[in-house]
Amino acid sequence: MKLTQLEALQVSKRVDAILHVPGNYRGGSLEMTIVIDTSLEREDFQEAVAEVVRALKRSNEIFRNVRLNLVLWGAEITTGIVPMAMLMTGSAFEEYVSCPCEKRYEDLFGYLKKFHARSKVILVFAEEQNRIEDKEAAREALSPFLKSKILVISGQVVSGTQIFLGL
């Protein structure tokens, strides 16, 4: 997954639109979540994540002080807190191990709704092969607020609202 600077800037603009959804971000310290699909090789996503983070930091002053949750989505879902600078340098992924397995988006959405509801922006860097099998569970997890906060970045950038409307 390669992102050009222009594509990273477009993601940054979409993140800015998410922050301006009525009732989402009201100022102060921002909390956001980045999800990495462990089916991806480190080389496949590391530069894309760094480009997006650089674009976010350049585009808005809000991203100077961010509580960033890094979620690794594999057979198990794990969460850690890392500074944005570690994503730009790649040091956040030093112990990363690729673990290809079949995953379902409804499981991830349910996890995010339970544990990352405070995040104002959720970026998911994922493999294109992941599917939604239980549409009702996915719809339930995306409602009422998660669908307006999430962007899935795989072959293309898809918003949670687009996913929700496609169910």
C-alpha atoms as a PDB file:
ATOM      1  CA  MET A   1       0.000   0.000   0.000  1.00  0.00           C
ATOM      2  CA  LYS A   2       1.727   3.104  -1.206  1.00  0.00           C
ATOM      3  CA  LEU A   3       0.339   6.569  -0.694  1.00  0.00           C
ATOM      4  CA  THR A   4       1.658   9.529  -2.601  1.00  0.00           C
ATOM      5  CA  GLN A   5       1.914  12.877  -0.863  1.00  0.00           C
ATOM      6  CA  LEU A   6      -1.212  13.966  -2.719  1.00  0.00           C
ATOM      7  CA  GLU A   7      -3.185  10.928  -1.507  1.00  0.00           C
ATOM      8  CA  ALA A   8      -1.935  11.525   2.037  1.00  0.00           C
ATOM      9  CA  LEU A   9      -3.075  15.133   1.749  1.00  0.00           C
ATOM     10  CA  GLN A  10      -6.505  13.939   0.587  1.00  0.00           C
ATOM     11  CA  VAL A  11      -6.710  11.669   3.661  1.00  0.00           C
ATOM     12  CA  SER A  12      -5.745  14.685   5.767  1.00  0.00           C
ATOM     13  CA  LYS A  13      -8.580  16.724   4.227  1.00  0.00           C
ATOM     14  CA  ARG A  14     -11.048  13.917   4.956  1.00  0.00           C
ATOM     15  CA  VAL A  15      -9.811  13.770   8.564  1.00  0.00           C
ATOM     16  CA  ASP A  16     -10.381  17.520   8.812  1.00  0.00           C
ATOM     17  CA  ALA A  17     -13.949  16.971   7.560  1.00  0.00           C
ATOM     18  CA  ILE A  18     -14.444  14.277  10.244  1.00  0.00           C
ATOM     19  CA  LEU A  19     -13.299  16.693  12.944  1.00  0.00           C
ATOM     20  CA  HIS A  20     -15.834  19.253  11.767  1.00  0.00           C
ATOM     21  CA  VAL A  21     -18.830  16.916  11.990  1.00  0.00           C
ATOM     22  CA  PRO A  22     -21.218  18.623  14.428  1.00  0.00           C
ATOM     23  CA  GLY A  23     -20.652  17.331  17.950  1.00  0.00           C
ATOM     24  CA  ASN A  24     -17.420  15.462  17.204  1.00  0.00           C
ATOM     25  CA  TYR A  25     -14.467  17.679  18.175  1.00  0.00           C
ATOM     26  CA  ARG A  26     -14.912  20.674  20.435  1.00  0.00           C
ATOM     27  CA  GLY A  27     -11.296  21.678  21.015  1.00  0.00           C
ATOM     28  CA  GLY A  28      -8.638  20.720  23.508  1.00  0.00           C
ATOM     29  CA  SER A  29      -6.469  17.637  23.321  1.00  0.00           C
ATOM     30  CA  LEU A  30      -7.390  15.312  20.475  1.00  0.00           C
ATOM     31  CA  GLU A  31      -7.662  11.543  20.844  1.00  0.00           C
ATOM     32  CA  MET A  32      -7.388   9.424  17.732  1.00  0.00           C
ATOM     33  CA  THR A  33      -6.831   5.785  16.820  1.00  0.00           C
ATOM     34  CA  ILE A  34      -4.806   4.192  14.041  1.00  0.00           C
ATOM     35  CA  VAL A  35      -5.548   0.539  13.265  1.00  0.00           C
ATOM     36  CA  ILE A  36      -3.010  -1.638  11.466  1.00  0.00           C
ATOM     37  CA  ASP A  37      -4.155  -4.900   9.889  1.00  0.00           C
ATOM     38  CA  THR A  38      -1.491  -7.476  10.818  1.00  0.00           C
ATOM     39  CA  SER A  39      -1.955  -9.194   7.454  1.00  0.00           C
ATOM     40  CA  LEU A  40       0.065  -6.344   5.966  1.00  0.00           C
ATOM     41  CA  GLU A  41       3.842  -6.530   5.817  1.00  0.00           C
ATOM     42  CA  ARG A  42       5.631  -3.711   7.610  1.00  0.00           C
ATOM     43  CA  GLU A  43       7.030  -2.375   4.333  1.00  0.00           C
ATOM     44  CA  ASP A  44       3.494  -2.215   2.922  1.00  0.00           C
ATOM     45  CA  PHE A  45       2.049   0.195   5.474  1.00  0.00           C
ATOM     46  CA  GLN A  46       4.894   1.901   7.354  1.00  0.00           C
ATOM     47  CA  GLU A  47       5.568   4.601   4.760  1.00  0.00           C
ATOM     48  CA  ALA A  48       1.844   5.155   4.130  1.00  0.00           C
ATOM     49  CA  VAL A  49       1.220   5.714   7.853  1.00  0.00           C
ATOM     50  CA  ALA A  50       4.200   8.080   8.037  1.00  0.00           C
ATOM     51  CA  GLU A  51       2.954  10.079   5.025  1.00  0.00           C
ATOM     52  CA  VAL A  52      -0.530  10.439   6.519  1.00  0.00           C
ATOM     53  CA  VAL A  53       0.857  11.524   9.899  1.00  0.00           C
ATOM     54  CA  ARG A  54       3.146  14.084   8.222  1.00  0.00           C
ATOM     55  CA  ALA A  55       0.217  15.444   6.212  1.00  0.00           C
ATOM     56  CA  LEU A  56      -1.932  15.691   9.351  1.00  0.00           C
ATOM     57  CA  LYS A  57       0.767  17.521  11.293  1.00  0.00           C
ATOM     58  CA  ARG A  58       1.353  19.939   8.406  1.00  0.00           C
ATOM     59  CA  SER A  59      -2.317  20.613   7.807  1.00  0.00           C
ATOM     60  CA  ASN A  60      -3.568  21.456  11.274  1.00  0.00           C
ATOM     61  CA  GLU A  61      -2.195  22.659  14.582  1.00  0.00           C
ATOM     62  CA  ILE A  62      -4.575  20.296  16.414  1.00  0.00           C
ATOM     63  CA  PHE A  63      -2.218  17.392  15.647  1.00  0.00           C
ATOM     64  CA  ARG A  64       0.640  18.786  17.750  1.00  0.00           C
ATOM     65  CA  ASN A  65      -0.813  17.318  20.947  1.00  0.00           C
ATOM     66  CA  VAL A  66      -2.591  14.032  20.231  1.00  0.00           C
ATOM     67  CA  ARG A  67      -3.304  10.982  22.346  1.00  0.00           C
ATOM     68  CA  LEU A  68      -2.729   8.312  19.720  1.00  0.00           C
ATOM     69  CA  ASN A  69      -3.954   4.758  20.197  1.00  0.00           C
ATOM     70  CA  LEU A  70      -2.238   2.202  17.963  1.00  0.00           C
ATOM     71  CA  VAL A  71      -4.390  -0.895  17.449  1.00  0.00           C
ATOM     72  CA  LEU A  72      -2.915  -4.019  15.884  1.00  0.00           C
ATOM     73  CA  TRP A  73      -5.744  -6.024  14.336  1.00  0.00           C
ATOM     74  CA  GLY A  74      -4.846  -9.676  13.983  1.00  0.00           C
ATOM     75  CA  ALA A  75      -6.143 -12.947  15.416  1.00  0.00           C
ATOM     76  CA  GLU A  76      -6.212 -10.918  18.633  1.00  0.00           C
ATOM     77  CA  ILE A  77      -6.678  -7.178  18.829  1.00  0.00           C
ATOM     78  CA  THR A  78      -4.093  -5.305  20.890  1.00  0.00           C
ATOM     79  CA  THR A  79      -3.833  -1.621  21.756  1.00  0.00           C
ATOM     80  CA  GLY A  80      -0.929   0.598  22.733  1.00  0.00           C
ATOM     81  CA  ILE A  81      -0.369   4.318  23.060  1.00  0.00           C
ATOM     82  CA  VAL A  82       2.410   5.834  20.957  1.00  0.00           C
ATOM     83  CA  PRO A  83       3.548   9.354  20.044  1.00  0.00           C
ATOM     84  CA  MET A  84       2.915  10.446  16.471  1.00  0.00           C
ATOM     85  CA  ALA A  85       6.649  11.007  15.997  1.00  0.00           C
ATOM     86  CA  MET A  86       7.244   7.269  16.445  1.00  0.00           C
ATOM     87  CA  LEU A  87       4.888   6.593  13.533  1.00  0.00           C
ATOM     88  CA  MET A  88       6.799   9.022  11.313  1.00  0.00           C
ATOM     89  CA  THR A  89      10.157   7.420  12.124  1.00  0.00           C
ATOM     90  CA  GLY A  90       8.818   3.863  12.068  1.00  0.00           C
ATOM     91  CA  SER A  91      10.113   3.058  15.547  1.00  0.00           C
ATOM     92  CA  ALA A  92       6.562   2.225  16.685  1.00  0.00           C
ATOM     93  CA  PHE A  93       6.751  -0.866  14.466  1.00  0.00           C
ATOM     94  CA  GLU A  94      10.140  -2.269  15.527  1.00  0.00           C
ATOM     95  CA  GLU A  95       8.541  -5.317  17.180  1.00  0.00           C
ATOM     96  CA  TYR A  96       5.764  -5.668  14.595  1.00  0.00           C
ATOM     97  CA  VAL A  97       5.236  -9.179  13.246  1.00  0.00           C
ATOM     98  CA  SER A  98       3.018  -9.822  10.253  1.00  0.00           C
ATOM     99  CA  CYS A  99       0.350 -12.413  11.025  1.00  0.00           C
ATOM    100  CA  PRO A 100      -1.855 -13.079   7.995  1.00  0.00           C
ATOM    101  CA  CYS A 101      -5.246 -14.432   8.961  1.00  0.00           C
ATOM    102  CA  GLU A 102      -8.859 -14.024   7.942  1.00  0.00           C
ATOM    103  CA  LYS A 103     -10.536 -11.076   9.634  1.00  0.00           C
ATOM    104  CA  ARG A 104     -14.004  -9.607   9.687  1.00  0.00           C
ATOM    105  CA  TYR A 105     -14.709  -5.902   9.865  1.00  0.00           C
ATOM    106  CA  GLU A 106     -17.676  -6.353  12.193  1.00  0.00           C
ATOM    107  CA  ASP A 107     -15.314  -7.722  14.880  1.00  0.00           C
ATOM    108  CA  LEU A 108     -13.055  -4.680  14.519  1.00  0.00           C
ATOM    109  CA  PHE A 109     -15.960  -2.239  14.512  1.00  0.00           C
ATOM    110  CA  GLY A 110     -17.388  -3.832  17.673  1.00  0.00           C
ATOM    111  CA  TYR A 111     -13.996  -3.576  19.393  1.00  0.00           C
ATOM    112  CA  LEU A 112     -13.595   0.059  18.374  1.00  0.00           C
ATOM    113  CA  LYS A 113     -17.079   0.915  19.593  1.00  0.00           C
ATOM    114  CA  LYS A 114     -16.350  -0.637  23.008  1.00  0.00           C
ATOM    115  CA  PHE A 115     -12.810   0.561  23.613  1.00  0.00           C
ATOM    116  CA  HIS A 116     -12.149   3.569  21.367  1.00  0.00           C
ATOM    117  CA  ALA A 117     -15.421   5.459  21.393  1.00  0.00           C
ATOM    118  CA  ARG A 118     -13.617   8.554  22.740  1.00  0.00           C
ATOM    119  CA  SER A 119     -11.427   8.777  19.650  1.00  0.00           C
ATOM    120  CA  LYS A 120     -12.501  11.577  17.348  1.00  0.00           C
ATOM    121  CA  VAL A 121     -10.782  10.057  14.299  1.00  0.00           C
ATOM    122  CA  ILE A 122     -10.109   6.393  13.503  1.00  0.00           C
ATOM    123  CA  LEU A 123      -7.858   5.471  10.579  1.00  0.00           C
ATOM    124  CA  VAL A 124      -7.787   1.804   9.535  1.00  0.00           C
ATOM    125  CA  PHE A 125      -4.905   0.632   7.327  1.00  0.00           C
ATOM    126  CA  ALA A 126      -6.177  -2.714   6.073  1.00  0.00           C
ATOM    127  CA  GLU A 127      -5.750  -5.493   3.565  1.00  0.00           C
ATOM    128  CA  GLU A 128      -8.303  -5.452   0.750  1.00  0.00           C
ATOM    129  CA  GLN A 129      -9.336  -9.066   1.406  1.00  0.00           C
ATOM    130  CA  ASN A 130     -11.125  -8.382   4.721  1.00  0.00           C
ATOM    131  CA  ARG A 131     -14.883  -8.827   4.549  1.00  0.00           C
ATOM    132  CA  ILE A 132     -18.111  -8.077   6.340  1.00  0.00           C
ATOM    133  CA  GLU A 133     -19.985 -11.329   6.888  1.00  0.00           C
ATOM    134  CA  ASP A 134     -22.593 -10.266   9.456  1.00  0.00           C
ATOM    135  CA  LYS A 135     -24.054  -7.072   8.036  1.00  0.00           C
ATOM    136  CA  GLU A 136     -26.396  -6.547  10.999  1.00  0.00           C
ATOM    137  CA  ALA A 137     -23.507  -6.736  13.503  1.00  0.00           C
ATOM    138  CA  ALA A 138     -21.485  -4.296  11.404  1.00  0.00           C
ATOM    139  CA  ARG A 139     -24.440  -1.915  11.144  1.00  0.00           C
ATOM    140  CA  GLU A 140     -24.970  -2.111  14.921  1.00  0.00           C
ATOM    141  CA  ALA A 141     -21.297  -1.420  15.656  1.00  0.00           C
ATOM    142  CA  LEU A 142     -21.132   1.535  13.266  1.00  0.00           C
ATOM    143  CA  SER A 143     -24.272   3.137  14.739  1.00  0.00           C
ATOM    144  CA  PRO A 144     -24.765   5.782  15.979  1.00  0.00           C
ATOM    145  CA  PHE A 145     -21.400   7.556  15.919  1.00  0.00           C
ATOM    146  CA  LEU A 146     -18.564   5.288  14.717  1.00  0.00           C
ATOM    147  CA  LYS A 147     -19.559   5.592  11.061  1.00  0.00           C
ATOM    148  CA  SER A 148     -18.819   9.328  11.115  1.00  0.00           C
ATOM    149  CA  LYS A 149     -15.337   8.908  12.659  1.00  0.00           C
ATOM    150  CA  ILE A 150     -13.741   6.128  10.656  1.00  0.00           C
ATOM    151  CA  LEU A 151     -11.729   5.979   7.423  1.00  0.00           C
ATOM    152  CA  VAL A 152     -10.625   2.637   5.981  1.00  0.00           C
ATOM    153  CA  ILE A 153      -7.486   2.927   3.866  1.00  0.00           C
ATOM    154  CA  SER A 154      -6.770  -0.092   1.692  1.00  0.00           C
ATOM    155  CA  GLY A 155      -6.771   0.051  -2.089  1.00  0.00           C
ATOM    156  CA  GLN A 156      -8.912   3.152  -1.769  1.00  0.00           C
ATOM    157  CA  VAL A 157     -10.079   5.387   1.073  1.00  0.00           C
ATOM    158  CA  VAL A 158     -13.592   4.542   2.267  1.00  0.00           C
ATOM    159  CA  SER A 159     -15.476   6.345   5.020  1.00  0.00           C
ATOM    160  CA  GLY A 160     -17.523   4.604   7.665  1.00  0.00           C
ATOM    161  CA  THR A 161     -20.640   6.269   6.280  1.00  0.00           C
ATOM    162  CA  GLN A 162     -19.974   4.728   2.858  1.00  0.00           C
ATOM    163  CA  ILE A 163     -19.564   1.318   4.493  1.00  0.00           C
ATOM    164  CA  PHE A 164     -22.737   1.822   6.541  1.00  0.00           C
ATOM    165  CA  LEU A 165     -24.786   2.827   3.512  1.00  0.00           C
ATOM    166  CA  GLY A 166     -23.447  -0.167   1.559  1.00  0.00           C
ATOM    167  CA  LEU A 167     -24.708  -2.660   4.151  1.00  0.00           C
END
